[in-house]
């Protein structure tokens, strides 16, 4: 017995039909991709270019740390930071954090790919994606990726 898309739709209450969840992968770390990622973080999360660049440097890749991301919508008690980004930026940070903890969790457990921000650029489109399909597929691909050979991996039958 395998898990079907209908099961995902019924039990998790997330859509299995809609726009394809596909992100531009910053696969190769180049100075151009790094620059594009920093601009994307700055624009969509409402932080300065310098803050975005510092975070990308700390993360050592085209990722941001979950703790940094969480601080975008949940500042520490006693923090002197009294300026908050626009609501849309806060919503993106929160949704990106949720995606990094669920459907797009990586093996580090502490970072999230900046490429996922592209999915959150237009907040009105977020509900139009087929999140159920990806939530069923990504964990399987992660198991396959850890396997010594993709030929030994059996993908589930998605119905």
C-alpha atoms as a PDB file:
ATOM      1  CA  UNK A   1       0.000   0.000   0.000  1.00  0.00           C
ATOM      2  CA  UNK A   2       1.358   3.382  -0.920  1.00  0.00           C
ATOM      3  CA  UNK A   3       0.339   6.903  -0.031  1.00  0.00           C
ATOM      4  CA  UNK A   4      -1.688   8.555  -2.774  1.00  0.00           C
ATOM      5  CA  UNK A   5      -2.199  12.193  -3.640  1.00  0.00           C
ATOM      6  CA  UNK A   6      -5.785  11.759  -2.504  1.00  0.00           C
ATOM      7  CA  UNK A   7      -4.475  10.738   0.942  1.00  0.00           C
ATOM      8  CA  UNK A   8      -2.303  13.858   1.046  1.00  0.00           C
ATOM      9  CA  UNK A   9      -5.231  16.033   0.042  1.00  0.00           C
ATOM     10  CA  UNK A  10      -7.621  14.518   2.599  1.00  0.00           C
ATOM     11  CA  UNK A  11      -5.302  14.178   5.600  1.00  0.00           C
ATOM     12  CA  UNK A  12      -3.059  17.221   5.199  1.00  0.00           C
ATOM     13  CA  UNK A  13      -5.690  19.489   3.624  1.00  0.00           C
ATOM     14  CA  UNK A  14      -3.246  20.891   1.085  1.00  0.00           C
ATOM     15  CA  UNK A  15      -3.903  21.180  -2.662  1.00  0.00           C
ATOM     16  CA  UNK A  16      -2.631  18.490  -5.015  1.00  0.00           C
ATOM     17  CA  UNK A  17      -3.711  20.262  -8.187  1.00  0.00           C
ATOM     18  CA  UNK A  18      -2.567  23.648  -9.399  1.00  0.00           C
ATOM     19  CA  UNK A  19       0.635  25.317 -10.497  1.00  0.00           C
ATOM     20  CA  UNK A  20       3.749  23.175 -10.573  1.00  0.00           C
ATOM     21  CA  UNK A  21       6.111  23.789  -7.663  1.00  0.00           C
ATOM     22  CA  UNK A  22       9.337  24.468  -9.512  1.00  0.00           C
ATOM     23  CA  UNK A  23      12.142  26.741  -8.421  1.00  0.00           C
ATOM     24  CA  UNK A  24      15.160  28.068 -10.170  1.00  0.00           C
ATOM     25  CA  UNK A  25      17.974  26.203  -8.527  1.00  0.00           C
ATOM     26  CA  UNK A  26      21.063  28.200  -7.703  1.00  0.00           C
ATOM     27  CA  UNK A  27      22.938  24.971  -8.448  1.00  0.00           C
ATOM     28  CA  UNK A  28      26.294  26.472  -9.172  1.00  0.00           C
ATOM     29  CA  UNK A  29      27.752  28.872  -6.687  1.00  0.00           C
ATOM     30  CA  UNK A  30      29.067  31.703  -8.831  1.00  0.00           C
ATOM     31  CA  UNK A  31      29.549  35.354  -8.020  1.00  0.00           C
ATOM     32  CA  UNK A  32      26.561  36.149 -10.267  1.00  0.00           C
ATOM     33  CA  UNK A  33      24.266  33.632  -8.544  1.00  0.00           C
ATOM     34  CA  UNK A  34      25.448  34.901  -5.155  1.00  0.00           C
ATOM     35  CA  UNK A  35      24.667  38.478  -6.155  1.00  0.00           C
ATOM     36  CA  UNK A  36      21.214  37.473  -7.472  1.00  0.00           C
ATOM     37  CA  UNK A  37      20.470  35.575  -4.251  1.00  0.00           C
ATOM     38  CA  UNK A  38      21.459  38.541  -2.072  1.00  0.00           C
ATOM     39  CA  UNK A  39      19.218  40.885  -4.093  1.00  0.00           C
ATOM     40  CA  UNK A  40      16.336  38.421  -3.824  1.00  0.00           C
ATOM     41  CA  UNK A  41      16.685  38.142  -0.035  1.00  0.00           C
ATOM     42  CA  UNK A  42      16.882  41.924   0.310  1.00  0.00           C
ATOM     43  CA  UNK A  43      13.869  42.590  -1.904  1.00  0.00           C
ATOM     44  CA  UNK A  44      11.526  39.840  -0.683  1.00  0.00           C
ATOM     45  CA  UNK A  45      12.401  39.820   3.030  1.00  0.00           C
ATOM     46  CA  UNK A  46      12.758  43.586   3.428  1.00  0.00           C
ATOM     47  CA  UNK A  47      16.335  43.634   4.716  1.00  0.00           C
ATOM     48  CA  UNK A  48      19.231  45.778   3.603  1.00  0.00           C
ATOM     49  CA  UNK A  49      21.653  44.494   0.999  1.00  0.00           C
ATOM     50  CA  UNK A  50      24.353  44.496   3.708  1.00  0.00           C
ATOM     51  CA  UNK A  51      22.267  42.326   6.069  1.00  0.00           C
ATOM     52  CA  UNK A  52      21.427  39.914   3.253  1.00  0.00           C
ATOM     53  CA  UNK A  53      25.078  39.721   2.212  1.00  0.00           C
ATOM     54  CA  UNK A  54      26.204  39.096   5.802  1.00  0.00           C
ATOM     55  CA  UNK A  55      23.710  36.242   6.160  1.00  0.00           C
ATOM     56  CA  UNK A  56      24.724  34.617   2.866  1.00  0.00           C
ATOM     57  CA  UNK A  57      28.376  34.880   3.938  1.00  0.00           C
ATOM     58  CA  UNK A  58      27.639  33.313   7.331  1.00  0.00           C
ATOM     59  CA  UNK A  59      25.616  30.506   5.737  1.00  0.00           C
ATOM     60  CA  UNK A  60      28.483  29.776   3.330  1.00  0.00           C
ATOM     61  CA  UNK A  61      26.282  29.164   0.333  1.00  0.00           C
ATOM     62  CA  UNK A  62      23.056  30.246  -1.276  1.00  0.00           C
ATOM     63  CA  UNK A  63      21.088  29.643   1.889  1.00  0.00           C
ATOM     64  CA  UNK A  64      19.983  31.485   4.993  1.00  0.00           C
ATOM     65  CA  UNK A  65      19.933  30.150   8.516  1.00  0.00           C
ATOM     66  CA  UNK A  66      16.555  29.289  10.021  1.00  0.00           C
ATOM     67  CA  UNK A  67      17.365  31.207  13.215  1.00  0.00           C
ATOM     68  CA  UNK A  68      18.106  34.344  11.160  1.00  0.00           C
ATOM     69  CA  UNK A  69      14.920  33.821   9.188  1.00  0.00           C
ATOM     70  CA  UNK A  70      12.876  33.439  12.371  1.00  0.00           C
ATOM     71  CA  UNK A  71      14.300  36.701  13.693  1.00  0.00           C
ATOM     72  CA  UNK A  72      12.668  38.456  10.712  1.00  0.00           C
ATOM     73  CA  UNK A  73       9.203  37.988  12.238  1.00  0.00           C
ATOM     74  CA  UNK A  74       9.972  37.168  15.840  1.00  0.00           C
ATOM     75  CA  UNK A  75      12.601  39.529  17.320  1.00  0.00           C
ATOM     76  CA  UNK A  76      14.224  38.499  20.584  1.00  0.00           C
ATOM     77  CA  UNK A  77      12.828  39.927  23.804  1.00  0.00           C
ATOM     78  CA  UNK A  78      14.643  43.076  24.816  1.00  0.00           C
ATOM     79  CA  UNK A  79      15.884  43.674  21.290  1.00  0.00           C
ATOM     80  CA  UNK A  80      16.561  47.284  20.409  1.00  0.00           C
ATOM     81  CA  UNK A  81      15.281  46.685  16.894  1.00  0.00           C
ATOM     82  CA  UNK A  82      12.004  48.602  16.810  1.00  0.00           C
ATOM     83  CA  UNK A  83      11.652  48.722  13.036  1.00  0.00           C
ATOM     84  CA  UNK A  84       9.754  45.899  11.419  1.00  0.00           C
ATOM     85  CA  UNK A  85       9.660  45.020   7.732  1.00  0.00           C
ATOM     86  CA  UNK A  86       6.369  45.296   5.807  1.00  0.00           C
ATOM     87  CA  UNK A  87       3.743  42.626   6.506  1.00  0.00           C
ATOM     88  CA  UNK A  88       4.383  40.959   3.133  1.00  0.00           C
ATOM     89  CA  UNK A  89       8.074  40.488   3.966  1.00  0.00           C
ATOM     90  CA  UNK A  90       7.220  39.091   7.386  1.00  0.00           C
ATOM     91  CA  UNK A  91       4.723  36.677   5.809  1.00  0.00           C
ATOM     92  CA  UNK A  92       7.353  35.504   3.298  1.00  0.00           C
ATOM     93  CA  UNK A  93       9.890  34.903   6.072  1.00  0.00           C
ATOM     94  CA  UNK A  94       7.355  32.893   8.052  1.00  0.00           C
ATOM     95  CA  UNK A  95       6.227  30.836   5.044  1.00  0.00           C
ATOM     96  CA  UNK A  96       9.818  30.177   4.014  1.00  0.00           C
ATOM     97  CA  UNK A  97      10.548  28.974   7.538  1.00  0.00           C
ATOM     98  CA  UNK A  98       7.531  26.646   7.420  1.00  0.00           C
ATOM     99  CA  UNK A  99       8.579  25.243   4.045  1.00  0.00           C
ATOM    100  CA  UNK A 100      12.090  24.628   5.349  1.00  0.00           C
ATOM    101  CA  UNK A 101      10.698  22.673   8.306  1.00  0.00           C
ATOM    102  CA  UNK A 102       8.282  20.536   6.303  1.00  0.00           C
ATOM    103  CA  UNK A 103       8.300  19.875   2.577  1.00  0.00           C
ATOM    104  CA  UNK A 104      11.772  21.250   1.866  1.00  0.00           C
ATOM    105  CA  UNK A 105      13.714  20.194   4.964  1.00  0.00           C
ATOM    106  CA  UNK A 106      17.372  19.570   4.197  1.00  0.00           C
ATOM    107  CA  UNK A 107      19.933  17.381   5.924  1.00  0.00           C
ATOM    108  CA  UNK A 108      21.515  20.321   7.786  1.00  0.00           C
ATOM    109  CA  UNK A 109      18.273  21.101   9.571  1.00  0.00           C
ATOM    110  CA  UNK A 110      19.455  24.656  10.110  1.00  0.00           C
ATOM    111  CA  UNK A 111      19.439  26.268   6.645  1.00  0.00           C
ATOM    112  CA  UNK A 112      16.988  26.919   3.835  1.00  0.00           C
ATOM    113  CA  UNK A 113      17.696  27.500   0.160  1.00  0.00           C
ATOM    114  CA  UNK A 114      17.207  31.029  -1.095  1.00  0.00           C
ATOM    115  CA  UNK A 115      15.781  29.557  -4.320  1.00  0.00           C
ATOM    116  CA  UNK A 116      12.536  28.789  -2.435  1.00  0.00           C
ATOM    117  CA  UNK A 117      11.940  32.518  -2.041  1.00  0.00           C
ATOM    118  CA  UNK A 118      11.016  32.640  -5.741  1.00  0.00           C
ATOM    119  CA  UNK A 119       7.867  30.642  -4.902  1.00  0.00           C
ATOM    120  CA  UNK A 120       6.855  33.292  -2.384  1.00  0.00           C
ATOM    121  CA  UNK A 121       7.474  36.353  -4.540  1.00  0.00           C
ATOM    122  CA  UNK A 122       3.773  36.822  -5.323  1.00  0.00           C
ATOM    123  CA  UNK A 123       1.883  35.971  -2.136  1.00  0.00           C
ATOM    124  CA  UNK A 124      -1.405  35.732  -4.039  1.00  0.00           C
ATOM    125  CA  UNK A 125       0.037  32.839  -6.065  1.00  0.00           C
ATOM    126  CA  UNK A 126       1.138  30.783  -3.038  1.00  0.00           C
ATOM    127  CA  UNK A 127      -2.279  29.160  -2.653  1.00  0.00           C
ATOM    128  CA  UNK A 128      -2.317  28.198  -6.342  1.00  0.00           C
ATOM    129  CA  UNK A 129       0.622  25.768  -6.104  1.00  0.00           C
ATOM    130  CA  UNK A 130       0.176  21.995  -5.877  1.00  0.00           C
ATOM    131  CA  UNK A 131       1.949  21.714  -2.509  1.00  0.00           C
ATOM    132  CA  UNK A 132       0.597  18.208  -1.901  1.00  0.00           C
ATOM    133  CA  UNK A 133       2.548  16.766  -4.823  1.00  0.00           C
ATOM    134  CA  UNK A 134       5.828  18.141  -3.583  1.00  0.00           C
ATOM    135  CA  UNK A 135       5.182  17.113   0.016  1.00  0.00           C
ATOM    136  CA  UNK A 136       4.796  13.544  -1.206  1.00  0.00           C
ATOM    137  CA  UNK A 137       7.764  13.598  -3.572  1.00  0.00           C
ATOM    138  CA  UNK A 138      10.538  15.521  -1.778  1.00  0.00           C
ATOM    139  CA  UNK A 139      10.990  13.129   1.194  1.00  0.00           C
ATOM    140  CA  UNK A 140      11.282  10.230  -1.237  1.00  0.00           C
ATOM    141  CA  UNK A 141      13.873  12.043  -3.329  1.00  0.00           C
ATOM    142  CA  UNK A 142      15.826  12.834  -0.169  1.00  0.00           C
ATOM    143  CA  UNK A 143      15.982   9.138   0.695  1.00  0.00           C
ATOM    144  CA  UNK A 144      17.026   8.358  -2.871  1.00  0.00           C
ATOM    145  CA  UNK A 145      19.708  11.053  -2.776  1.00  0.00           C
ATOM    146  CA  UNK A 146      21.235   9.482   0.338  1.00  0.00           C
ATOM    147  CA  UNK A 147      21.255   6.102  -1.383  1.00  0.00           C
ATOM    148  CA  UNK A 148      24.498   4.987  -3.019  1.00  0.00           C
ATOM    149  CA  UNK A 149      22.791   4.744  -6.369  1.00  0.00           C
ATOM    150  CA  UNK A 150      19.595   6.162  -7.801  1.00  0.00           C
ATOM    151  CA  UNK A 151      19.099   2.846  -9.615  1.00  0.00           C
ATOM    152  CA  UNK A 152      18.552   1.189  -6.203  1.00  0.00           C
ATOM    153  CA  UNK A 153      15.814   3.655  -5.320  1.00  0.00           C
ATOM    154  CA  UNK A 154      12.181   2.908  -6.038  1.00  0.00           C
ATOM    155  CA  UNK A 155      10.011   5.983  -6.338  1.00  0.00           C
ATOM    156  CA  UNK A 156       6.482   5.591  -5.029  1.00  0.00           C
ATOM    157  CA  UNK A 157       3.624   5.162  -7.399  1.00  0.00           C
ATOM    158  CA  UNK A 158       1.839   8.510  -7.267  1.00  0.00           C
ATOM    159  CA  UNK A 159      -1.866   8.239  -7.989  1.00  0.00           C
END
